[in-house]
Structure formats: structure tokens, C-alpha cells
Amino acid sequence: MAADQADAPQGAGIPNTPEELIAMQENKPERPEKSERQPSAKAKQVLDLIKTLATSAAEDQEIALTLMRRLESFHDEVVAEMKDDAEAKHSLIAAWAIDADRLMHCRIFLENVDLE
């Protein structure tokens, strides 16, 4: 137990009144935003190539669907591996499964975009 926790009285940090709760919430620092990811060298190379190609909308859709399927398969494989791992946290399995489901829905939406 940390020294500051050992010295703190039982129930410290728990407000006794609604006013104390409101005051605690007002003093909370703002949550930091997720840092923006920079594309890797490989990703930048692929993106630069795509920009230079004269592809049709149908070809762009095909490229996007291929990437969506790869991401979806990756997530499905990770979920399957974690389900077989007795030490895997259920919350982590659920998070990956939710993302796999989101990717599946994105793929379905993209497949149903009519470009003609």
C-alpha cells in the first residue's frame, strides 16, 4: 500500500454531500485526447501509390473491401485465440469481439454501397 493511501482516513475521497460530489467533479482535469497516429513507412508508401493511380470508384471500393476483410479476419483470429486461452481476460475478449463485429458491419455497409 502506498504511503499516501496508508495515511488517508477510511473513506477519503468519497463525498458526503451532493455539493462535495459536484465540487470533486468540477476539479477533474480534462481527459487527454488520443494521440494522432502517424502512418508507418509501409502505409505511407501504399497511400502515396493509391494517390498516384487513376482508379475508378469501383476499384477504390474493392481496395477498401480487401483492407476491411483483412482487419476483420485479424480480429476474428485474435478472438478465437483468446477464447482458447484460459488466462485471457474476458473484458479483452469482449473488446476484440466488439471491434470484430464493428468491422463486419463496416464491410457489409461498404459492400452495399452502389457506385453505378
PDB file of N, CA and C in Angstrom:
ATOM      1  N   MET A   1       0.842  -1.174   0.000  1.00  0.00           N
ATOM      2  CA  MET A   1       0.000   0.000   0.000  1.00  0.00           C
ATOM      3  C   MET A   1       0.886   1.235   0.000  1.00  0.00           C
ATOM      4  N   ALA A   2       0.553   2.220  -0.813  1.00  0.00           N
ATOM      5  CA  ALA A   2       1.356   3.433  -0.905  1.00  0.00           C
ATOM      6  C   ALA A   2       1.229   4.237   0.377  1.00  0.00           C
ATOM      7  N   ALA A   3       2.250   5.044   0.669  1.00  0.00           N
ATOM      8  CA  ALA A   3       2.279   5.824   1.899  1.00  0.00           C
ATOM      9  C   ALA A   3       1.099   6.774   1.993  1.00  0.00           C
ATOM     10  N   ASP A   4       0.733   7.419   0.884  1.00  0.00           N
ATOM     11  CA  ASP A   4      -0.370   8.368   0.937  1.00  0.00           C
ATOM     12  C   ASP A   4      -1.700   7.664   1.169  1.00  0.00           C
ATOM     13  N   GLN A   5      -1.831   6.409   0.723  1.00  0.00           N
ATOM     14  CA  GLN A   5      -3.044   5.654   0.967  1.00  0.00           C
ATOM     15  C   GLN A   5      -3.107   5.199   2.416  1.00  0.00           C
ATOM     16  N   ALA A   6      -1.955   4.843   2.987  1.00  0.00           N
ATOM     17  CA  ALA A   6      -1.918   4.372   4.370  1.00  0.00           C
ATOM     18  C   ALA A   6      -2.291   5.489   5.332  1.00  0.00           C
ATOM     19  N   ASP A   7      -1.905   6.740   5.005  1.00  0.00           N
ATOM     20  CA  ASP A   7      -2.177   7.872   5.876  1.00  0.00           C
ATOM     21  C   ASP A   7      -3.591   8.421   5.707  1.00  0.00           C
ATOM     22  N   ALA A   8      -4.237   8.072   4.601  1.00  0.00           N
ATOM     23  CA  ALA A   8      -5.560   8.608   4.316  1.00  0.00           C
ATOM     24  C   ALA A   8      -6.598   7.939   5.201  1.00  0.00           C
ATOM     25  N   PRO A   9      -7.551   8.723   5.733  1.00  0.00           N
ATOM     26  CA  PRO A   9      -8.593   8.129   6.562  1.00  0.00           C
ATOM     27  C   PRO A   9      -9.516   7.253   5.721  1.00  0.00           C
ATOM     28  N   GLN A  10     -10.158   6.300   6.381  1.00  0.00           N
ATOM     29  CA  GLN A  10     -11.089   5.401   5.700  1.00  0.00           C
ATOM     30  C   GLN A  10     -12.163   6.241   5.018  1.00  0.00           C
ATOM     31  N   GLY A  11     -12.455   5.965   3.751  1.00  0.00           N
ATOM     32  CA  GLY A  11     -13.488   6.688   3.026  1.00  0.00           C
ATOM     33  C   GLY A  11     -13.016   8.002   2.434  1.00  0.00           C
ATOM     34  N   ALA A  12     -11.719   8.283   2.524  1.00  0.00           N
ATOM     35  CA  ALA A  12     -11.211   9.529   1.946  1.00  0.00           C
ATOM     36  C   ALA A  12     -11.463   9.530   0.451  1.00  0.00           C
ATOM     37  N   GLY A  13     -11.847  10.666  -0.061  1.00  0.00           N
ATOM     38  CA  GLY A  13     -12.118  10.780  -1.483  1.00  0.00           C
ATOM     39  C   GLY A  13     -13.568  10.480  -1.828  1.00  0.00           C
ATOM     40  N   ILE A  14     -14.342  10.074  -0.843  1.00  0.00           N
ATOM     41  CA  ILE A  14     -15.762   9.796  -1.068  1.00  0.00           C
ATOM     42  C   ILE A  14     -16.545  10.992  -0.540  1.00  0.00           C
ATOM     43  N   PRO A  15     -17.324  11.642  -1.405  1.00  0.00           N
ATOM     44  CA  PRO A  15     -18.060  12.835  -0.955  1.00  0.00           C
ATOM     45  C   PRO A  15     -19.187  12.454   0.000  1.00  0.00           C
ATOM     46  N   ASN A  16     -19.457  13.365   0.924  1.00  0.00           N
ATOM     47  CA  ASN A  16     -20.528  13.157   1.904  1.00  0.00           C
ATOM     48  C   ASN A  16     -21.826  13.838   1.500  1.00  0.00           C
ATOM     49  N   THR A  17     -21.730  14.805   0.596  1.00  0.00           N
ATOM     50  CA  THR A  17     -22.918  15.550   0.181  1.00  0.00           C
ATOM     51  C   THR A  17     -22.909  15.698  -1.333  1.00  0.00           C
ATOM     52  N   PRO A  18     -24.063  15.992  -1.898  1.00  0.00           N
ATOM     53  CA  PRO A  18     -24.101  16.244  -3.349  1.00  0.00           C
ATOM     54  C   PRO A  18     -23.200  17.420  -3.746  1.00  0.00           C
ATOM     55  N   GLU A  19     -23.118  18.419  -2.878  1.00  0.00           N
ATOM     56  CA  GLU A  19     -22.281  19.580  -3.173  1.00  0.00           C
ATOM     57  C   GLU A  19     -20.806  19.180  -3.263  1.00  0.00           C
ATOM     58  N   GLU A  20     -20.365  18.298  -2.327  1.00  0.00           N
ATOM     59  CA  GLU A  20     -18.977  17.825  -2.365  1.00  0.00           C
ATOM     60  C   GLU A  20     -18.713  17.027  -3.651  1.00  0.00           C
ATOM     61  N   LEU A  21     -19.688  16.232  -4.069  1.00  0.00           N
ATOM     62  CA  LEU A  21     -19.548  15.462  -5.319  1.00  0.00           C
ATOM     63  C   LEU A  21     -19.401  16.398  -6.516  1.00  0.00           C
ATOM     64  N   ILE A  22     -20.245  17.431  -6.559  1.00  0.00           N
ATOM     65  CA  ILE A  22     -20.170  18.399  -7.658  1.00  0.00           C
ATOM     66  C   ILE A  22     -18.825  19.101  -7.655  1.00  0.00           C
ATOM     67  N   ALA A  23     -18.348  19.478  -6.463  1.00  0.00           N
ATOM     68  CA  ALA A  23     -17.044  20.138  -6.357  1.00  0.00           C
ATOM     69  C   ALA A  23     -15.929  19.220  -6.834  1.00  0.00           C
ATOM     70  N   MET A  24     -16.009  17.933  -6.488  1.00  0.00           N
ATOM     71  CA  MET A  24     -14.979  16.982  -6.939  1.00  0.00           C
ATOM     72  C   MET A  24     -14.980  16.863  -8.462  1.00  0.00           C
ATOM     73  N   GLN A  25     -16.177  16.818  -9.058  1.00  0.00           N
ATOM     74  CA  GLN A  25     -16.284  16.674 -10.498  1.00  0.00           C
ATOM     75  C   GLN A  25     -15.771  17.910 -11.220  1.00  0.00           C
ATOM     76  N   GLU A  26     -15.976  19.077 -10.637  1.00  0.00           N
ATOM     77  CA  GLU A  26     -15.516  20.315 -11.253  1.00  0.00           C
ATOM     78  C   GLU A  26     -13.996  20.414 -11.255  1.00  0.00           C
ATOM     79  N   ASN A  27     -13.342  19.753 -10.310  1.00  0.00           N
ATOM     80  CA  ASN A  27     -11.891  19.806 -10.203  1.00  0.00           C
ATOM     81  C   ASN A  27     -11.180  18.742 -11.040  1.00  0.00           C
ATOM     82  N   LYS A  28     -11.928  17.903 -11.708  1.00  0.00           N
ATOM     83  CA  LYS A  28     -11.316  16.845 -12.519  1.00  0.00           C
ATOM     84  C   LYS A  28     -10.618  17.470 -13.721  1.00  0.00           C
ATOM     85  N   PRO A  29      -9.396  17.057 -13.988  1.00  0.00           N
ATOM     86  CA  PRO A  29      -8.739  17.556 -15.202  1.00  0.00           C
ATOM     87  C   PRO A  29      -9.399  16.941 -16.434  1.00  0.00           C
ATOM     88  N   GLU A  30      -9.319  17.659 -17.536  1.00  0.00           N
ATOM     89  CA  GLU A  30      -9.894  17.138 -18.766  1.00  0.00           C
ATOM     90  C   GLU A  30      -9.129  15.914 -19.210  1.00  0.00           C
ATOM     91  N   ARG A  31      -9.848  14.971 -19.792  1.00  0.00           N
ATOM     92  CA  ARG A  31      -9.210  13.752 -20.285  1.00  0.00           C
ATOM     93  C   ARG A  31      -8.398  14.079 -21.528  1.00  0.00           C
ATOM     94  N   PRO A  32      -7.195  13.551 -21.593  1.00  0.00           N
ATOM     95  CA  PRO A  32      -6.394  13.825 -22.786  1.00  0.00           C
ATOM     96  C   PRO A  32      -6.972  13.110 -24.008  1.00  0.00           C
ATOM     97  N   GLU A  33      -6.852  13.742 -25.129  1.00  0.00           N
ATOM     98  CA  GLU A  33      -7.304  13.139 -26.376  1.00  0.00           C
ATOM     99  C   GLU A  33      -6.325  12.058 -26.787  1.00  0.00           C
ATOM    100  N   LYS A  34      -6.819  11.092 -27.553  1.00  0.00           N
ATOM    101  CA  LYS A  34      -5.923  10.073 -28.090  1.00  0.00           C
ATOM    102  C   LYS A  34      -4.947  10.760 -29.025  1.00  0.00           C
ATOM    103  N   SER A  35      -3.706  10.327 -28.935  1.00  0.00           N
ATOM    104  CA  SER A  35      -2.722  10.928 -29.828  1.00  0.00           C
ATOM    105  C   SER A  35      -2.980  10.450 -31.249  1.00  0.00           C
ATOM    106  N   GLU A  36      -2.738  11.331 -32.178  1.00  0.00           N
ATOM    107  CA  GLU A  36      -2.962  11.005 -33.583  1.00  0.00           C
ATOM    108  C   GLU A  36      -1.853  10.082 -34.059  1.00  0.00           C
ATOM    109  N   ARG A  37      -2.242   8.977 -34.666  1.00  0.00           N
ATOM    110  CA  ARG A  37      -1.260   8.017 -35.159  1.00  0.00           C
ATOM    111  C   ARG A  37      -0.672   8.495 -36.477  1.00  0.00           C
ATOM    112  N   GLN A  38       0.612   8.361 -36.577  1.00  0.00           N
ATOM    113  CA  GLN A  38       1.290   8.678 -37.825  1.00  0.00           C
ATOM    114  C   GLN A  38       1.414   7.391 -38.636  1.00  0.00           C
ATOM    115  N   PRO A  39       1.167   7.455 -39.943  1.00  0.00           N
ATOM    116  CA  PRO A  39       1.273   6.237 -40.750  1.00  0.00           C
ATOM    117  C   PRO A  39       2.715   5.734 -40.785  1.00  0.00           C
ATOM    118  N   SER A  40       2.855   4.405 -40.785  1.00  0.00           N
ATOM    119  CA  SER A  40       4.179   3.802 -40.887  1.00  0.00           C
ATOM    120  C   SER A  40       4.725   4.057 -42.283  1.00  0.00           C
ATOM    121  N   ALA A  41       5.989   3.740 -42.490  1.00  0.00           N
ATOM    122  CA  ALA A  41       6.617   3.926 -43.804  1.00  0.00           C
ATOM    123  C   ALA A  41       5.899   3.089 -44.862  1.00  0.00           C
ATOM    124  N   LYS A  42       5.533   1.851 -44.509  1.00  0.00           N
ATOM    125  CA  LYS A  42       4.818   0.986 -45.456  1.00  0.00           C
ATOM    126  C   LYS A  42       3.458   1.564 -45.806  1.00  0.00           C
ATOM    127  N   ALA A  43       2.728   1.987 -44.773  1.00  0.00           N
ATOM    128  CA  ALA A  43       1.399   2.546 -45.010  1.00  0.00           C
ATOM    129  C   ALA A  43       1.488   3.813 -45.849  1.00  0.00           C
ATOM    130  N   LYS A  44       2.462   4.662 -45.561  1.00  0.00           N
ATOM    131  CA  LYS A  44       2.648   5.891 -46.331  1.00  0.00           C
ATOM    132  C   LYS A  44       2.950   5.568 -47.790  1.00  0.00           C
ATOM    133  N   GLN A  45       3.778   4.546 -48.008  1.00  0.00           N
ATOM    134  CA  GLN A  45       4.123   4.143 -49.371  1.00  0.00           C
ATOM    135  C   GLN A  45       2.873   3.672 -50.130  1.00  0.00           C
ATOM    136  N   VAL A  46       2.046   2.865 -49.467  1.00  0.00           N
ATOM    137  CA  VAL A  46       0.821   2.373 -50.103  1.00  0.00           C
ATOM    138  C   VAL A  46      -0.137   3.530 -50.378  1.00  0.00           C
ATOM    139  N   LEU A  47      -0.298   4.418 -49.395  1.00  0.00           N
ATOM    140  CA  LEU A  47      -1.194   5.554 -49.582  1.00  0.00           C
ATOM    141  C   LEU A  47      -0.714   6.475 -50.702  1.00  0.00           C
ATOM    142  N   ASP A  48       0.592   6.693 -50.778  1.00  0.00           N
ATOM    143  CA  ASP A  48       1.143   7.511 -51.855  1.00  0.00           C
ATOM    144  C   ASP A  48       0.891   6.862 -53.210  1.00  0.00           C
ATOM    145  N   LEU A  49       1.036   5.542 -53.279  1.00  0.00           N
ATOM    146  CA  LEU A  49       0.783   4.818 -54.534  1.00  0.00           C
ATOM    147  C   LEU A  49      -0.680   4.937 -54.933  1.00  0.00           C
ATOM    148  N   ILE A  50      -1.570   4.772 -53.967  1.00  0.00           N
ATOM    149  CA  ILE A  50      -3.002   4.871 -54.266  1.00  0.00           C
ATOM    150  C   ILE A  50      -3.342   6.256 -54.813  1.00  0.00           C
ATOM    151  N   LYS A  51      -2.716   7.298 -54.254  1.00  0.00           N
ATOM    152  CA  LYS A  51      -2.971   8.661 -54.717  1.00  0.00           C
ATOM    153  C   LYS A  51      -2.547   8.856 -56.174  1.00  0.00           C
ATOM    154  N   THR A  52      -1.497   8.143 -56.598  1.00  0.00           N
ATOM    155  CA  THR A  52      -0.988   8.336 -57.955  1.00  0.00           C
ATOM    156  C   THR A  52      -1.742   7.512 -58.992  1.00  0.00           C
ATOM    157  N   LEU A  53      -2.466   6.490 -58.566  1.00  0.00           N
ATOM    158  CA  LEU A  53      -3.193   5.642 -59.503  1.00  0.00           C
ATOM    159  C   LEU A  53      -4.500   6.300 -59.934  1.00  0.00           C
ATOM    160  N   ALA A  54      -4.865   6.060 -61.160  1.00  0.00           N
ATOM    161  CA  ALA A  54      -6.135   6.571 -61.673  1.00  0.00           C
ATOM    162  C   ALA A  54      -7.165   5.447 -61.560  1.00  0.00           C
ATOM    163  N   THR A  55      -7.650   5.233 -60.342  1.00  0.00           N
ATOM    164  CA  THR A  55      -8.596   4.144 -60.112  1.00  0.00           C
ATOM    165  C   THR A  55     -10.024   4.660 -60.157  1.00  0.00           C
ATOM    166  N   SER A  56     -10.921   3.764 -60.527  1.00  0.00           N
ATOM    167  CA  SER A  56     -12.346   4.106 -60.545  1.00  0.00           C
ATOM    168  C   SER A  56     -12.902   3.960 -59.132  1.00  0.00           C
ATOM    169  N   ALA A  57     -14.112   4.420 -58.948  1.00  0.00           N
ATOM    170  CA  ALA A  57     -14.763   4.284 -57.639  1.00  0.00           C
ATOM    171  C   ALA A  57     -14.935   2.813 -57.292  1.00  0.00           C
ATOM    172  N   ALA A  58     -15.263   1.982 -58.267  1.00  0.00           N
ATOM    173  CA  ALA A  58     -15.429   0.545 -58.020  1.00  0.00           C
ATOM    174  C   ALA A  58     -14.097  -0.083 -57.602  1.00  0.00           C
ATOM    175  N   GLU A  59     -13.013   0.355 -58.210  1.00  0.00           N
ATOM    176  CA  GLU A  59     -11.694  -0.160 -57.822  1.00  0.00           C
ATOM    177  C   GLU A  59     -11.312   0.312 -56.414  1.00  0.00           C
ATOM    178  N   ASP A  60     -11.629   1.552 -56.097  1.00  0.00           N
ATOM    179  CA  ASP A  60     -11.381   2.059 -54.748  1.00  0.00           C
ATOM    180  C   ASP A  60     -12.181   1.258 -53.716  1.00  0.00           C
ATOM    181  N   GLN A  61     -13.424   0.941 -54.062  1.00  0.00           N
ATOM    182  CA  GLN A  61     -14.263   0.137 -53.181  1.00  0.00           C
ATOM    183  C   GLN A  61     -13.662  -1.260 -52.999  1.00  0.00           C
ATOM    184  N   GLU A  62     -13.151  -1.843 -54.071  1.00  0.00           N
ATOM    185  CA  GLU A  62     -12.530  -3.157 -53.995  1.00  0.00           C
ATOM    186  C   GLU A  62     -11.302  -3.133 -53.071  1.00  0.00           C
ATOM    187  N   ILE A  63     -10.491  -2.083 -53.195  1.00  0.00           N
ATOM    188  CA  ILE A  63      -9.307  -1.937 -52.333  1.00  0.00           C
ATOM    189  C   ILE A  63      -9.747  -1.806 -50.876  1.00  0.00           C
ATOM    190  N   ALA A  64     -10.740  -0.948 -50.631  1.00  0.00           N
ATOM    191  CA  ALA A  64     -11.230  -0.730 -49.261  1.00  0.00           C
ATOM    192  C   ALA A  64     -11.817  -2.020 -48.682  1.00  0.00           C
ATOM    193  N   LEU A  65     -12.554  -2.764 -49.487  1.00  0.00           N
ATOM    194  CA  LEU A  65     -13.137  -4.021 -49.006  1.00  0.00           C
ATOM    195  C   LEU A  65     -12.060  -5.049 -48.683  1.00  0.00           C
ATOM    196  N   THR A  66     -11.019  -5.092 -49.479  1.00  0.00           N
ATOM    197  CA  THR A  66      -9.917  -6.012 -49.207  1.00  0.00           C
ATOM    198  C   THR A  66      -9.275  -5.688 -47.867  1.00  0.00           C
ATOM    199  N   LEU A  67      -9.041  -4.406 -47.604  1.00  0.00           N
ATOM    200  CA  LEU A  67      -8.467  -3.994 -46.322  1.00  0.00           C
ATOM    201  C   LEU A  67      -9.419  -4.288 -45.160  1.00  0.00           C
ATOM    202  N   MET A  68     -10.708  -4.031 -45.370  1.00  0.00           N
ATOM    203  CA  MET A  68     -11.697  -4.310 -44.327  1.00  0.00           C
ATOM    204  C   MET A  68     -11.712  -5.803 -43.997  1.00  0.00           C
ATOM    205  N   ARG A  69     -11.683  -6.640 -45.029  1.00  0.00           N
ATOM    206  CA  ARG A  69     -11.694  -8.089 -44.803  1.00  0.00           C
ATOM    207  C   ARG A  69     -10.443  -8.540 -44.047  1.00  0.00           C
ATOM    208  N   ARG A  70      -9.301  -7.951 -44.367  1.00  0.00           N
ATOM    209  CA  ARG A  70      -8.055  -8.298 -43.648  1.00  0.00           C
ATOM    210  C   ARG A  70      -8.160  -7.935 -42.172  1.00  0.00           C
ATOM    211  N   LEU A  71      -8.648  -6.737 -41.888  1.00  0.00           N
ATOM    212  CA  LEU A  71      -8.810  -6.311 -40.488  1.00  0.00           C
ATOM    213  C   LEU A  71      -9.827  -7.192 -39.762  1.00  0.00           C
ATOM    214  N   GLU A  72     -10.915  -7.490 -40.451  1.00  0.00           N
ATOM    215  CA  GLU A  72     -11.955  -8.324 -39.848  1.00  0.00           C
ATOM    216  C   GLU A  72     -11.418  -9.728 -39.546  1.00  0.00           C
ATOM    217  N   SER A  73     -10.693 -10.314 -40.483  1.00  0.00           N
ATOM    218  CA  SER A  73     -10.108 -11.647 -40.276  1.00  0.00           C
ATOM    219  C   SER A  73      -9.113 -11.632 -39.122  1.00  0.00           C
ATOM    220  N   PHE A  74      -8.277 -10.595 -39.069  1.00  0.00           N
ATOM    221  CA  PHE A  74      -7.305 -10.478 -37.988  1.00  0.00           C
ATOM    222  C   PHE A  74      -8.013 -10.467 -36.636  1.00  0.00           C
ATOM    223  N   HIS A  75      -9.064  -9.655 -36.515  1.00  0.00           N
ATOM    224  CA  HIS A  75      -9.793  -9.572 -35.252  1.00  0.00           C
ATOM    225  C   HIS A  75     -10.474 -10.903 -34.920  1.00  0.00           C
ATOM    226  N   ASP A  76     -11.049 -11.553 -35.918  1.00  0.00           N
ATOM    227  CA  ASP A  76     -11.688 -12.853 -35.684  1.00  0.00           C
ATOM    228  C   ASP A  76     -10.673 -13.876 -35.187  1.00  0.00           C
ATOM    229  N   GLU A  77      -9.475 -13.867 -35.760  1.00  0.00           N
ATOM    230  CA  GLU A  77      -8.429 -14.803 -35.344  1.00  0.00           C
ATOM    231  C   GLU A  77      -7.974 -14.529 -33.911  1.00  0.00           C
ATOM    232  N   VAL A  78      -7.817 -13.257 -33.566  1.00  0.00           N
ATOM    233  CA  VAL A  78      -7.401 -12.909 -32.205  1.00  0.00           C
ATOM    234  C   VAL A  78      -8.471 -13.349 -31.204  1.00  0.00           C
ATOM    235  N   VAL A  79      -9.733 -13.120 -31.520  1.00  0.00           N
ATOM    236  CA  VAL A  79     -10.825 -13.519 -30.632  1.00  0.00           C
ATOM    237  C   VAL A  79     -10.818 -15.039 -30.454  1.00  0.00           C
ATOM    238  N   ALA A  80     -10.643 -15.773 -31.549  1.00  0.00           N
ATOM    239  CA  ALA A  80     -10.617 -17.238 -31.467  1.00  0.00           C
ATOM    240  C   ALA A  80      -9.456 -17.717 -30.597  1.00  0.00           C
ATOM    241  N   GLU A  81      -8.283 -17.101 -30.754  1.00  0.00           N
ATOM    242  CA  GLU A  81      -7.125 -17.469 -29.936  1.00  0.00           C
ATOM    243  C   GLU A  81      -7.377 -17.179 -28.460  1.00  0.00           C
ATOM    244  N   MET A  82      -7.947 -16.010 -28.165  1.00  0.00           N
ATOM    245  CA  MET A  82      -8.184 -15.639 -26.781  1.00  0.00           C
ATOM    246  C   MET A  82      -9.248 -16.524 -26.140  1.00  0.00           C
ATOM    247  N   LYS A  83     -10.251 -16.959 -26.913  1.00  0.00           N
ATOM    248  CA  LYS A  83     -11.283 -17.829 -26.360  1.00  0.00           C
ATOM    249  C   LYS A  83     -10.680 -19.158 -25.913  1.00  0.00           C
ATOM    250  N   ASP A  84      -9.611 -19.600 -26.569  1.00  0.00           N
ATOM    251  CA  ASP A  84      -8.945 -20.852 -26.202  1.00  0.00           C
ATOM    252  C   ASP A  84      -7.911 -20.665 -25.098  1.00  0.00           C
ATOM    253  N   ASP A  85      -7.630 -19.421 -24.736  1.00  0.00           N
ATOM    254  CA  ASP A  85      -6.627 -19.122 -23.715  1.00  0.00           C
ATOM    255  C   ASP A  85      -7.321 -18.930 -22.372  1.00  0.00           C
ATOM    256  N   ALA A  86      -7.089 -19.848 -21.455  1.00  0.00           N
ATOM    257  CA  ALA A  86      -7.736 -19.788 -20.141  1.00  0.00           C
ATOM    258  C   ALA A  86      -7.329 -18.547 -19.348  1.00  0.00           C
ATOM    259  N   GLU A  87      -6.183 -17.956 -19.665  1.00  0.00           N
ATOM    260  CA  GLU A  87      -5.702 -16.788 -18.925  1.00  0.00           C
ATOM    261  C   GLU A  87      -6.139 -15.458 -19.548  1.00  0.00           C
ATOM    262  N   ALA A  88      -6.806 -15.509 -20.687  1.00  0.00           N
ATOM    263  CA  ALA A  88      -7.239 -14.280 -21.354  1.00  0.00           C
ATOM    264  C   ALA A  88      -8.359 -13.619 -20.545  1.00  0.00           C
ATOM    265  N   LYS A  89      -8.269 -12.311 -20.418  1.00  0.00           N
ATOM    266  CA  LYS A  89      -9.285 -11.560 -19.672  1.00  0.00           C
ATOM    267  C   LYS A  89     -10.568 -11.485 -20.506  1.00  0.00           C
ATOM    268  N   HIS A  90     -11.686 -11.719 -19.840  1.00  0.00           N
ATOM    269  CA  HIS A  90     -12.976 -11.680 -20.540  1.00  0.00           C
ATOM    270  C   HIS A  90     -13.248 -10.300 -21.127  1.00  0.00           C
ATOM    271  N   SER A  91     -12.836  -9.257 -20.410  1.00  0.00           N
ATOM    272  CA  SER A  91     -13.078  -7.898 -20.908  1.00  0.00           C
ATOM    273  C   SER A  91     -12.300  -7.640 -22.197  1.00  0.00           C
ATOM    274  N   LEU A  92     -11.108  -8.219 -22.291  1.00  0.00           N
ATOM    275  CA  LEU A  92     -10.305  -8.050 -23.503  1.00  0.00           C
ATOM    276  C   LEU A  92     -10.910  -8.827 -24.668  1.00  0.00           C
ATOM    277  N   ILE A  93     -11.383 -10.032 -24.384  1.00  0.00           N
ATOM    278  CA  ILE A  93     -12.047 -10.830 -25.424  1.00  0.00           C
ATOM    279  C   ILE A  93     -13.270 -10.069 -25.936  1.00  0.00           C
ATOM    280  N   ALA A  94     -14.041  -9.521 -25.011  1.00  0.00           N
ATOM    281  CA  ALA A  94     -15.243  -8.781 -25.393  1.00  0.00           C
ATOM    282  C   ALA A  94     -14.901  -7.566 -26.246  1.00  0.00           C
ATOM    283  N   ALA A  95     -13.854  -6.841 -25.861  1.00  0.00           N
ATOM    284  CA  ALA A  95     -13.457  -5.646 -26.622  1.00  0.00           C
ATOM    285  C   ALA A  95     -13.056  -6.017 -28.053  1.00  0.00           C
ATOM    286  N   TRP A  96     -12.265  -7.084 -28.187  1.00  0.00           N
ATOM    287  CA  TRP A  96     -11.844  -7.515 -29.525  1.00  0.00           C
ATOM    288  C   TRP A  96     -13.038  -8.030 -30.324  1.00  0.00           C
ATOM    289  N   ALA A  97     -13.956  -8.735 -29.674  1.00  0.00           N
ATOM    290  CA  ALA A  97     -15.139  -9.248 -30.361  1.00  0.00           C
ATOM    291  C   ALA A  97     -16.038  -8.103 -30.826  1.00  0.00           C
ATOM    292  N   ILE A  98     -16.161  -7.076 -30.000  1.00  0.00           N
ATOM    293  CA  ILE A  98     -16.959  -5.905 -30.391  1.00  0.00           C
ATOM    294  C   ILE A  98     -16.333  -5.231 -31.607  1.00  0.00           C
ATOM    295  N   ASP A  99     -15.011  -5.078 -31.598  1.00  0.00           N
ATOM    296  CA  ASP A  99     -14.342  -4.476 -32.756  1.00  0.00           C
ATOM    297  C   ASP A  99     -14.498  -5.342 -34.001  1.00  0.00           C
ATOM    298  N   ALA A 100     -14.432  -6.666 -33.843  1.00  0.00           N
ATOM    299  CA  ALA A 100     -14.640  -7.573 -34.986  1.00  0.00           C
ATOM    300  C   ALA A 100     -16.041  -7.381 -35.549  1.00  0.00           C
ATOM    301  N   ASP A 101     -17.012  -7.234 -34.655  1.00  0.00           N
ATOM    302  CA  ASP A 101     -18.390  -7.014 -35.083  1.00  0.00           C
ATOM    303  C   ASP A 101     -18.533  -5.673 -35.807  1.00  0.00           C
ATOM    304  N   ARG A 102     -17.879  -4.648 -35.291  1.00  0.00           N
ATOM    305  CA  ARG A 102     -17.918  -3.333 -35.951  1.00  0.00           C
ATOM    306  C   ARG A 102     -17.324  -3.413 -37.359  1.00  0.00           C
ATOM    307  N   LEU A 103     -16.201  -4.116 -37.468  1.00  0.00           N
ATOM    308  CA  LEU A 103     -15.565  -4.259 -38.780  1.00  0.00           C
ATOM    309  C   LEU A 103     -16.471  -5.019 -39.742  1.00  0.00           C
ATOM    310  N   MET A 104     -17.146  -6.053 -39.245  1.00  0.00           N
ATOM    311  CA  MET A 104     -18.074  -6.806 -40.090  1.00  0.00           C
ATOM    312  C   MET A 104     -19.179  -5.886 -40.611  1.00  0.00           C
ATOM    313  N   HIS A 105     -19.739  -5.064 -39.716  1.00  0.00           N
ATOM    314  CA  HIS A 105     -20.803  -4.147 -40.136  1.00  0.00           C
ATOM    315  C   HIS A 105     -20.278  -3.115 -41.135  1.00  0.00           C
ATOM    316  N   CYS A 106     -19.082  -2.616 -40.918  1.00  0.00           N
ATOM    317  CA  CYS A 106     -18.485  -1.669 -41.870  1.00  0.00           C
ATOM    318  C   CYS A 106     -18.320  -2.318 -43.240  1.00  0.00           C
ATOM    319  N   ARG A 107     -17.852  -3.566 -43.239  1.00  0.00           N
ATOM    320  CA  ARG A 107     -17.674  -4.287 -44.510  1.00  0.00           C
ATOM    321  C   ARG A 107     -19.009  -4.450 -45.213  1.00  0.00           C
ATOM    322  N   ILE A 108     -20.028  -4.842 -44.465  1.00  0.00           N
ATOM    323  CA  ILE A 108     -21.353  -5.032 -45.065  1.00  0.00           C
ATOM    324  C   ILE A 108     -21.871  -3.715 -45.638  1.00  0.00           C
ATOM    325  N   PHE A 109     -21.720  -2.631 -44.878  1.00  0.00           N
ATOM    326  CA  PHE A 109     -22.143  -1.323 -45.380  1.00  0.00           C
ATOM    327  C   PHE A 109     -21.404  -0.969 -46.656  1.00  0.00           C
ATOM    328  N   LEU A 110     -20.102  -1.180 -46.660  1.00  0.00           N
ATOM    329  CA  LEU A 110     -19.283  -0.845 -47.823  1.00  0.00           C
ATOM    330  C   LEU A 110     -19.653  -1.721 -49.029  1.00  0.00           C
ATOM    331  N   GLU A 111     -19.928  -2.993 -48.765  1.00  0.00           N
ATOM    332  CA  GLU A 111     -20.327  -3.896 -49.861  1.00  0.00           C
ATOM    333  C   GLU A 111     -21.645  -3.432 -50.492  1.00  0.00           C
ATOM    334  N   ASN A 112     -22.496  -2.806 -49.700  1.00  0.00           N
ATOM    335  CA  ASN A 112     -23.809  -2.403 -50.183  1.00  0.00           C
ATOM    336  C   ASN A 112     -23.848  -0.991 -50.776  1.00  0.00           C
ATOM    337  N   VAL A 113     -22.716  -0.331 -50.833  1.00  0.00           N
ATOM    338  CA  VAL A 113     -22.656   0.991 -51.463  1.00  0.00           C
ATOM    339  C   VAL A 113     -22.764   0.777 -52.970  1.00  0.00           C
ATOM    340  N   ASP A 114     -23.755   1.423 -53.570  1.00  0.00           N
ATOM    341  CA  ASP A 114     -23.997   1.304 -55.013  1.00  0.00           C
ATOM    342  C   ASP A 114     -23.247   2.427 -55.724  1.00  0.00           C
ATOM    343  N   LEU A 115     -22.306   2.044 -56.555  1.00  0.00           N
ATOM    344  CA  LEU A 115     -21.490   3.042 -57.252  1.00  0.00           C
ATOM    345  C   LEU A 115     -21.867   3.199 -58.710  1.00  0.00           C
ATOM    346  N   GLU A 116     -22.936   2.565 -59.109  1.00  0.00           N
ATOM    347  CA  GLU A 116     -23.358   2.651 -60.527  1.00  0.00           C
ATOM    348  C   GLU A 116     -24.598   3.477 -60.689  1.00  0.00           C
TER     349      GLU A 116
END
